[in-house]
Amino acid sequence: MEHTAAALWLVQAASASPHQGPGDLLRIVLVVMMVGCALTGWFLLRGYKQKDD
């Protein structure tokens, strides 16, 4: 199997991840959670808009 730069980078990233802790994953989870809460709030609150027909 021939090693490419991408495969080498992936191996290095996988071997370094236990030393980094949950930082990146936690950031991603928090951002997705905030966006999801904002979208859910918008979806629920848009039904309360008064229609002036």
C-alpha atoms as a PDB file:
ATOM      1  CA  MET A   1       0.000   0.000   0.000  1.00  0.00           C
ATOM      2  CA  GLU A   2       1.406   3.323  -1.047  1.00  0.00           C
ATOM      3  CA  HIS A   3       1.322   6.091   1.557  1.00  0.00           C
ATOM      4  CA  THR A   4       0.127   9.479   0.413  1.00  0.00           C
ATOM      5  CA  ALA A   5       0.328  12.839   2.128  1.00  0.00           C
ATOM      6  CA  ALA A   6      -3.350  12.656   3.076  1.00  0.00           C
ATOM      7  CA  ALA A   7      -2.951   9.215   4.613  1.00  0.00           C
ATOM      8  CA  LEU A   8       0.105  10.374   6.548  1.00  0.00           C
ATOM      9  CA  TRP A   9      -1.781  13.410   7.829  1.00  0.00           C
ATOM     10  CA  LEU A  10      -4.712  11.221   8.884  1.00  0.00           C
ATOM     11  CA  VAL A  11      -2.437   8.843  10.790  1.00  0.00           C
ATOM     12  CA  GLN A  12      -0.707  11.730  12.551  1.00  0.00           C
ATOM     13  CA  ALA A  13      -4.027  13.358  13.440  1.00  0.00           C
ATOM     14  CA  ALA A  14      -5.410  10.091  14.800  1.00  0.00           C
ATOM     15  CA  SER A  15      -2.336   9.458  16.910  1.00  0.00           C
ATOM     16  CA  ALA A  16      -2.325  12.997  18.316  1.00  0.00           C
ATOM     17  CA  SER A  17      -6.028  13.130  19.208  1.00  0.00           C
ATOM     18  CA  PRO A  18      -5.783  11.365  22.606  1.00  0.00           C
ATOM     19  CA  HIS A  19      -3.329  14.047  23.752  1.00  0.00           C
ATOM     20  CA  GLN A  20      -5.507  16.980  22.706  1.00  0.00           C
ATOM     21  CA  GLY A  21      -8.570  16.216  24.779  1.00  0.00           C
ATOM     22  CA  PRO A  22     -12.171  16.934  23.827  1.00  0.00           C
ATOM     23  CA  GLY A  23     -11.574  20.548  22.736  1.00  0.00           C
ATOM     24  CA  ASP A  24     -12.417  20.369  19.034  1.00  0.00           C
ATOM     25  CA  LEU A  25     -15.308  17.976  19.463  1.00  0.00           C
ATOM     26  CA  LEU A  26     -16.747  20.077  22.276  1.00  0.00           C
ATOM     27  CA  ARG A  27     -16.560  23.225  20.146  1.00  0.00           C
ATOM     28  CA  ILE A  28     -18.359  21.513  17.277  1.00  0.00           C
ATOM     29  CA  VAL A  29     -21.070  20.161  19.581  1.00  0.00           C
ATOM     30  CA  LEU A  30     -21.614  23.574  21.161  1.00  0.00           C
ATOM     31  CA  VAL A  31     -21.842  25.393  17.820  1.00  0.00           C
ATOM     32  CA  VAL A  32     -24.278  22.837  16.410  1.00  0.00           C
ATOM     33  CA  MET A  33     -26.342  23.032  19.593  1.00  0.00           C
ATOM     34  CA  MET A  34     -26.533  26.845  19.466  1.00  0.00           C
ATOM     35  CA  VAL A  35     -27.515  26.851  15.790  1.00  0.00           C
ATOM     36  CA  GLY A  36     -30.113  24.175  16.465  1.00  0.00           C
ATOM     37  CA  CYS A  37     -31.585  26.141  19.359  1.00  0.00           C
ATOM     38  CA  ALA A  38     -31.772  29.295  17.244  1.00  0.00           C
ATOM     39  CA  LEU A  39     -33.494  27.459  14.395  1.00  0.00           C
ATOM     40  CA  THR A  40     -35.903  25.750  16.773  1.00  0.00           C
ATOM     41  CA  GLY A  41     -36.768  29.068  18.407  1.00  0.00           C
ATOM     42  CA  TRP A  42     -37.326  30.700  15.037  1.00  0.00           C
ATOM     43  CA  PHE A  43     -39.521  27.814  13.894  1.00  0.00           C
ATOM     44  CA  LEU A  44     -41.648  27.880  17.038  1.00  0.00           C
ATOM     45  CA  LEU A  45     -41.940  31.657  17.323  1.00  0.00           C
ATOM     46  CA  ARG A  46     -42.843  32.281  13.685  1.00  0.00           C
ATOM     47  CA  GLY A  47     -46.273  30.813  14.376  1.00  0.00           C
ATOM     48  CA  TYR A  48     -47.046  33.677  16.799  1.00  0.00           C
ATOM     49  CA  LYS A  49     -46.674  36.344  14.129  1.00  0.00           C
ATOM     50  CA  GLN A  50     -49.833  38.455  13.753  1.00  0.00           C
ATOM     51  CA  LYS A  51     -51.326  38.454  10.274  1.00  0.00           C
ATOM     52  CA  ASP A  52     -52.913  41.753   9.256  1.00  0.00           C
ATOM     53  CA  ASP A  53     -55.238  40.474   6.539  1.00  0.00           C
END
